[in-house]
Amino acid sequence: MASFQNSNFETEIPAELVIARVMELHASISKLESLRPSKQVNSLFTELVKLCIFPSSIDISTLPQEVQQMRESLIVLCGQAEGLLELEFSNFLNQIPQPLNNLNLFPYYGNYVKLASLENQILNENGVVHPKKVAFIGSGPMPLTSIVMATHHMKFTQFDNYDIDEKANHVARRIVSSDGALEKRMKFETSDIMEVKEKLGEYECIFLAALVGMSKEQKLKNLEHIRKYMKEGGILLIRSAKGARAFLYPVVEEHDLVDFEILTIFHPTNDVVNSVVLVRKPFY
């Protein structure tokens, strides 16, 4: 493994090496009895993430069928593990005073701060500055993006966070309730976004988390539904992935964005995992 550990972000690892190691990691992760945080789980996923953020020329669409199937399975496993990690940390933070002052204890906190800063910059460059009301779809038990955005970048914005899991929303509400001013600007709605219709028309900007719609088919349905009900001229920020990062998260391609106006597609080259796709619903 020395070749991976000693590489820096300028060094490209051959695609076949990356794929072979990702398949080995998938096999190990698949055999785990539980995906709850543990030394073994953390170690496997840490290695997987480090491996996938190295530069590589992998084009997911050209991979053989067995690798495609492995990738689909791995994305689901990553999503489950991420949810369990967030839930555990959210419960832990809720047991200590001032949980909002201790968000940096979450292992990927720095990553969320960088991503939120990047997304805010992209939004500002495209005319979205201090929006009155935004939605975050797929906020989870640790709504870090909303919290970081609300406290550092959009200090007067109302955030409506949507998640399908009431347990996730319950612990997220508790974290935010430790700050009265922030709590006033943060709502948590438990619903499948496919059931939310007219309300989507209220937002100047909607964030779509990477793990909402894990299969291509579901992702496209979500995008079509949001486009149908969001306001004309409204902005949708979609998290995607490119290259080896696509072993961790679903990919949204340009041709998936039917009837949207594409504003920006940004692929990070540092330790931020997600690509940022910014689109607008045209005026008709």
Protein backbone atom coordinates (compact mmCIF):
# COMPACT_ATOMS: atom_id res chain seq x y z
CA MET A 1 0.00 0.00 0.00
CA ALA A 2 3.01 2.34 0.11
CA SER A 3 2.30 3.62 -3.39
CA PHE A 4 -1.07 5.02 -2.25
CA GLN A 5 0.14 6.44 1.03
CA ASN A 6 3.14 8.23 -0.42
CA SER A 7 1.31 9.70 -3.39
CA ASN A 8 0.29 13.33 -3.41
CA PHE A 9 -2.51 15.01 -5.33
CA GLU A 10 -0.30 15.54 -8.39
CA THR A 11 0.39 11.82 -8.78
CA GLU A 12 -2.10 9.83 -10.80
CA ILE A 13 -2.63 6.21 -9.82
CA PRO A 14 -3.27 3.80 -12.71
CA ALA A 15 -7.01 3.14 -13.06
CA GLU A 16 -6.66 -0.65 -12.95
CA LEU A 17 -4.83 -0.41 -9.58
CA VAL A 18 -7.54 1.81 -8.11
CA ILE A 19 -10.33 -0.44 -9.36
CA ALA A 20 -8.63 -3.62 -8.08
CA ARG A 21 -8.17 -2.11 -4.61
CA VAL A 22 -11.70 -0.67 -4.50
CA MET A 23 -13.04 -4.14 -5.33
CA GLU A 24 -10.98 -5.64 -2.49
CA LEU A 25 -12.30 -3.00 -0.08
CA HIS A 26 -15.87 -3.62 -1.26
CA ALA A 27 -15.44 -7.33 -0.57
CA SER A 28 -14.17 -6.59 2.96
CA ILE A 29 -16.93 -4.06 3.67
CA SER A 30 -19.60 -6.46 2.37
CA LYS A 31 -18.51 -9.07 4.92
CA LEU A 32 -18.84 -6.76 7.93
CA GLU A 33 -21.52 -7.77 10.43
CA SER A 34 -22.41 -4.11 11.03
CA LEU A 35 -21.60 -0.78 9.38
CA ARG A 36 -21.81 1.08 12.69
CA PRO A 37 -18.65 3.04 13.51
CA SER A 38 -15.90 0.78 14.84
CA LYS A 39 -12.15 0.56 14.41
CA GLN A 40 -12.51 -1.86 11.49
CA VAL A 41 -15.35 0.02 9.78
CA ASN A 42 -13.60 3.38 10.16
CA SER A 43 -10.32 1.98 8.86
CA LEU A 44 -11.89 0.45 5.72
CA PHE A 45 -13.91 3.54 4.82
CA THR A 46 -10.99 5.91 5.54
CA GLU A 47 -8.81 3.94 3.14
CA LEU A 48 -11.60 3.87 0.55
CA VAL A 49 -12.11 7.64 0.69
CA LYS A 50 -8.36 8.37 0.54
CA LEU A 51 -8.00 6.08 -2.45
CA CYS A 52 -10.95 7.61 -4.32
CA ILE A 53 -9.81 11.24 -3.98
CA PHE A 54 -6.46 10.67 -5.69
CA PRO A 55 -6.40 11.93 -9.28
CA SER A 56 -7.36 9.17 -11.70
CA SER A 57 -8.61 9.00 -15.25
CA ILE A 58 -11.42 6.57 -14.40
CA ASP A 59 -14.57 7.05 -16.46
CA ILE A 60 -17.33 5.20 -14.62
CA SER A 61 -19.48 4.81 -17.75
CA THR A 62 -16.81 2.68 -19.48
CA LEU A 63 -16.33 0.17 -16.67
CA PRO A 64 -17.25 -3.49 -17.19
CA GLN A 65 -20.61 -4.74 -15.92
CA GLU A 66 -19.22 -6.50 -12.82
CA VAL A 67 -17.44 -3.29 -11.74
CA GLN A 68 -20.62 -1.29 -12.35
CA GLN A 69 -22.59 -3.68 -10.14
CA MET A 70 -19.92 -3.54 -7.44
CA ARG A 71 -20.03 0.27 -7.58
CA GLU A 72 -23.82 0.35 -7.15
CA SER A 73 -23.52 -1.93 -4.13
CA LEU A 74 -20.64 0.13 -2.69
CA ILE A 75 -22.58 3.42 -2.96
CA VAL A 76 -25.42 1.87 -0.93
CA LEU A 77 -22.96 0.58 1.70
CA CYS A 78 -21.25 4.00 1.86
CA GLY A 79 -24.63 5.68 2.31
CA GLN A 80 -25.61 3.34 5.14
CA ALA A 81 -22.24 3.74 6.87
CA GLU A 82 -22.38 7.53 6.51
CA GLY A 83 -25.87 7.63 8.02
CA LEU A 84 -24.80 5.47 10.99
CA LEU A 85 -21.67 7.57 11.58
CA GLU A 86 -23.70 10.79 11.53
CA LEU A 87 -26.35 9.32 13.84
CA GLU A 88 -23.76 8.17 16.37
CA PHE A 89 -22.01 11.55 16.41
CA SER A 90 -25.29 13.43 16.57
CA ASN A 91 -26.36 11.39 19.62
CA PHE A 92 -22.92 11.93 21.18
CA LEU A 93 -23.02 15.71 20.60
CA ASN A 94 -26.50 15.91 22.10
CA GLN A 95 -25.12 14.54 25.38
CA ILE A 96 -22.59 17.34 25.84
CA PRO A 97 -23.18 21.04 26.56
CA GLN A 98 -23.13 23.37 23.54
CA PRO A 99 -23.07 20.72 20.80
CA LEU A 100 -22.74 23.39 18.10
CA ASN A 101 -19.37 24.40 19.56
CA ASN A 102 -18.09 20.85 19.18
CA LEU A 103 -19.04 20.01 15.59
CA ASN A 104 -15.34 19.81 14.76
CA LEU A 105 -15.23 16.48 16.64
CA PHE A 106 -17.01 14.93 13.64
CA PRO A 107 -14.31 13.24 11.50
CA TYR A 108 -15.33 14.88 8.21
CA TYR A 109 -16.24 18.29 9.63
CA GLY A 110 -13.38 20.06 7.84
CA ASN A 111 -14.55 18.57 4.56
CA TYR A 112 -18.06 20.00 5.05
CA VAL A 113 -16.63 23.44 5.89
CA LYS A 114 -14.59 23.44 2.67
CA LEU A 115 -17.53 22.19 0.59
CA ALA A 116 -19.94 24.77 2.05
CA SER A 117 -17.43 27.56 1.40
CA LEU A 118 -16.99 26.35 -2.19
CA GLU A 119 -20.75 26.06 -2.74
CA ASN A 120 -21.38 29.50 -1.28
CA GLN A 121 -18.73 30.99 -3.58
CA ILE A 122 -20.30 29.28 -6.62
CA LEU A 123 -23.77 30.52 -5.59
CA ASN A 124 -22.48 34.09 -5.11
CA GLU A 125 -20.78 34.02 -8.52
CA ASN A 126 -24.14 33.06 -10.03
CA GLY A 127 -26.16 35.77 -8.32
CA VAL A 128 -27.45 33.86 -5.28
CA VAL A 129 -26.45 36.15 -2.40
CA HIS A 130 -28.23 36.07 0.99
CA PRO A 131 -31.33 34.19 -0.24
CA LYS A 132 -34.39 34.53 2.02
CA LYS A 133 -35.31 30.86 2.00
CA VAL A 134 -33.50 27.70 0.91
CA ALA A 135 -34.25 23.98 1.10
CA PHE A 136 -31.76 21.22 1.83
CA ILE A 137 -32.96 17.83 0.63
CA GLY A 138 -31.37 14.88 2.44
CA SER A 139 -30.09 16.74 5.50
CA GLY A 140 -29.58 13.64 7.68
CA PRO A 141 -28.90 13.38 11.42
CA MET A 142 -25.94 15.81 11.21
CA PRO A 143 -27.15 18.71 9.03
CA LEU A 144 -23.65 20.13 8.77
CA THR A 145 -24.05 21.95 5.46
CA SER A 146 -27.13 23.82 6.68
CA ILE A 147 -25.48 24.68 9.99
CA VAL A 148 -22.22 25.85 8.40
CA MET A 149 -24.09 27.82 5.71
CA ALA A 150 -26.45 29.40 8.25
CA THR A 151 -23.72 30.40 10.70
CA HIS A 152 -20.94 31.44 8.30
CA HIS A 153 -22.37 32.33 4.88
CA MET A 154 -26.15 32.87 4.90
CA LYS A 155 -26.66 34.50 8.28
CA PHE A 156 -30.24 35.68 7.71
CA THR A 157 -31.54 32.82 5.54
CA GLN A 158 -34.38 30.48 6.54
CA PHE A 159 -33.38 26.80 6.05
CA ASP A 160 -35.95 24.05 5.51
CA ASN A 161 -34.25 20.68 5.87
CA TYR A 162 -35.96 17.64 4.38
CA ASP A 163 -35.17 14.06 5.30
CA ILE A 164 -37.15 10.87 4.86
CA ASP A 165 -36.08 9.58 8.31
CA GLU A 166 -37.80 11.05 11.39
CA LYS A 167 -35.11 9.63 13.69
CA ALA A 168 -32.49 11.63 11.73
CA ASN A 169 -34.60 14.79 11.96
CA HIS A 170 -35.21 14.28 15.69
CA VAL A 171 -31.49 14.28 16.60
CA ALA A 172 -30.76 17.09 14.12
CA ARG A 173 -33.48 19.25 15.74
CA ARG A 174 -31.93 18.64 19.16
CA ILE A 175 -28.48 19.82 18.03
CA VAL A 176 -29.90 23.02 16.54
CA SER A 177 -32.20 23.66 19.54
CA SER A 178 -29.12 24.44 21.66
CA ASP A 179 -28.97 27.83 19.85
CA GLY A 180 -32.25 29.76 20.01
CA ALA A 181 -31.42 32.17 17.18
CA LEU A 182 -30.36 29.37 14.84
CA GLU A 183 -33.35 27.23 15.80
CA LYS A 184 -35.68 30.01 14.61
CA ARG A 185 -34.13 29.77 11.11
CA MET A 186 -34.01 25.96 10.86
CA LYS A 187 -36.96 23.70 10.15
CA PHE A 188 -36.81 19.92 9.80
CA GLU A 189 -39.48 18.22 7.71
CA THR A 190 -39.85 14.45 7.58
CA SER A 191 -40.96 13.54 4.08
CA ASP A 192 -39.96 11.85 0.85
CA ILE A 193 -39.11 14.70 -1.50
CA MET A 194 -41.26 13.03 -4.18
CA GLU A 195 -44.27 13.87 -1.94
CA VAL A 196 -43.32 17.55 -1.58
CA LYS A 197 -44.86 19.60 -4.38
CA GLU A 198 -46.09 23.21 -4.20
CA LYS A 199 -43.79 23.96 -1.23
CA LEU A 200 -40.77 23.52 -3.53
CA GLY A 201 -41.91 26.72 -5.28
CA GLU A 202 -41.07 28.78 -2.16
CA TYR A 203 -37.29 28.47 -2.39
CA GLU A 204 -34.78 30.67 -4.20
CA CYS A 205 -32.25 27.88 -3.91
CA ILE A 206 -32.53 24.12 -3.32
CA PHE A 207 -29.64 21.84 -2.32
CA LEU A 208 -29.84 18.18 -3.34
CA ALA A 209 -27.57 15.96 -1.22
CA ALA A 210 -25.43 13.41 -3.05
CA LEU A 211 -27.12 10.37 -1.50
CA VAL A 212 -30.70 11.37 -2.34
CA GLY A 213 -31.53 9.01 -5.20
CA MET A 214 -28.78 6.40 -5.07
CA SER A 215 -29.73 4.66 -8.28
CA LYS A 216 -29.58 6.52 -11.59
CA GLU A 217 -33.29 5.91 -12.13
CA GLN A 218 -34.27 7.40 -8.76
CA LYS A 219 -31.90 10.34 -9.15
CA LEU A 220 -33.48 11.23 -12.50
CA LYS A 221 -36.99 10.95 -10.99
CA ASN A 222 -35.96 13.28 -8.17
CA LEU A 223 -34.48 15.82 -10.58
CA GLU A 224 -37.59 15.75 -12.77
CA HIS A 225 -39.89 16.16 -9.75
CA ILE A 226 -37.90 19.06 -8.28
CA ARG A 227 -37.72 20.80 -11.66
CA LYS A 228 -41.48 20.47 -12.10
CA TYR A 229 -42.36 22.10 -8.78
CA MET A 230 -39.52 24.55 -8.09
CA LYS A 231 -40.02 28.19 -9.02
CA GLU A 232 -39.04 29.51 -12.43
CA GLY A 233 -35.63 31.15 -12.17
CA GLY A 234 -34.94 29.13 -9.01
CA ILE A 235 -31.50 27.60 -8.47
CA LEU A 236 -30.80 23.92 -7.80
CA LEU A 237 -27.41 22.88 -6.41
CA ILE A 238 -26.75 19.18 -7.02
CA ARG A 239 -23.90 17.22 -5.46
CA SER A 240 -22.30 14.75 -7.82
CA ALA A 241 -18.97 12.95 -8.24
CA LYS A 242 -16.30 12.44 -10.89
CA GLY A 243 -13.58 9.87 -11.56
CA ALA A 244 -12.84 7.45 -8.72
CA ARG A 245 -15.01 9.59 -6.39
CA ALA A 246 -17.94 8.04 -8.26
CA PHE A 247 -17.31 4.81 -6.31
CA LEU A 248 -18.56 6.72 -3.26
CA TYR A 249 -21.45 8.77 -4.66
CA PRO A 250 -23.88 8.80 -7.59
CA VAL A 251 -22.95 10.79 -10.70
CA VAL A 252 -25.15 13.42 -12.36
CA GLU A 253 -24.14 14.00 -15.99
CA GLU A 254 -24.93 17.00 -18.18
CA HIS A 255 -27.38 14.93 -20.25
CA ASP A 256 -29.32 14.10 -17.04
CA LEU A 257 -30.24 17.77 -16.64
CA VAL A 258 -33.03 17.94 -19.19
CA ASP A 259 -34.92 21.24 -19.18
CA PHE A 260 -32.46 22.91 -16.79
CA GLU A 261 -30.10 25.70 -17.67
CA ILE A 262 -26.61 24.58 -16.60
CA LEU A 263 -24.73 27.39 -14.84
CA THR A 264 -21.62 25.70 -13.41
CA ILE A 265 -20.08 22.25 -13.05
CA PHE A 266 -17.15 22.16 -10.66
CA HIS A 267 -14.98 19.11 -9.94
CA PRO A 268 -12.67 19.50 -6.90
CA THR A 269 -9.09 18.24 -7.02
CA ASN A 270 -8.39 18.48 -3.27
CA ASP A 271 -9.84 16.38 -0.42
CA VAL A 272 -13.40 17.63 -1.05
CA VAL A 273 -15.18 14.58 -2.45
CA ASN A 274 -18.30 15.96 -4.11
CA SER A 275 -18.57 17.77 -7.40
CA VAL A 276 -20.95 20.74 -7.49
CA VAL A 277 -23.49 21.10 -10.30
CA LEU A 278 -25.46 24.34 -10.39
CA VAL A 279 -28.54 24.65 -12.58
CA ARG A 280 -31.45 27.02 -12.99
CA LYS A 281 -35.05 26.34 -13.90
CA PRO A 282 -35.68 28.51 -16.97
CA PHE A 283 -38.45 31.11 -17.17
CA TYR A 284 -41.19 29.91 -19.48
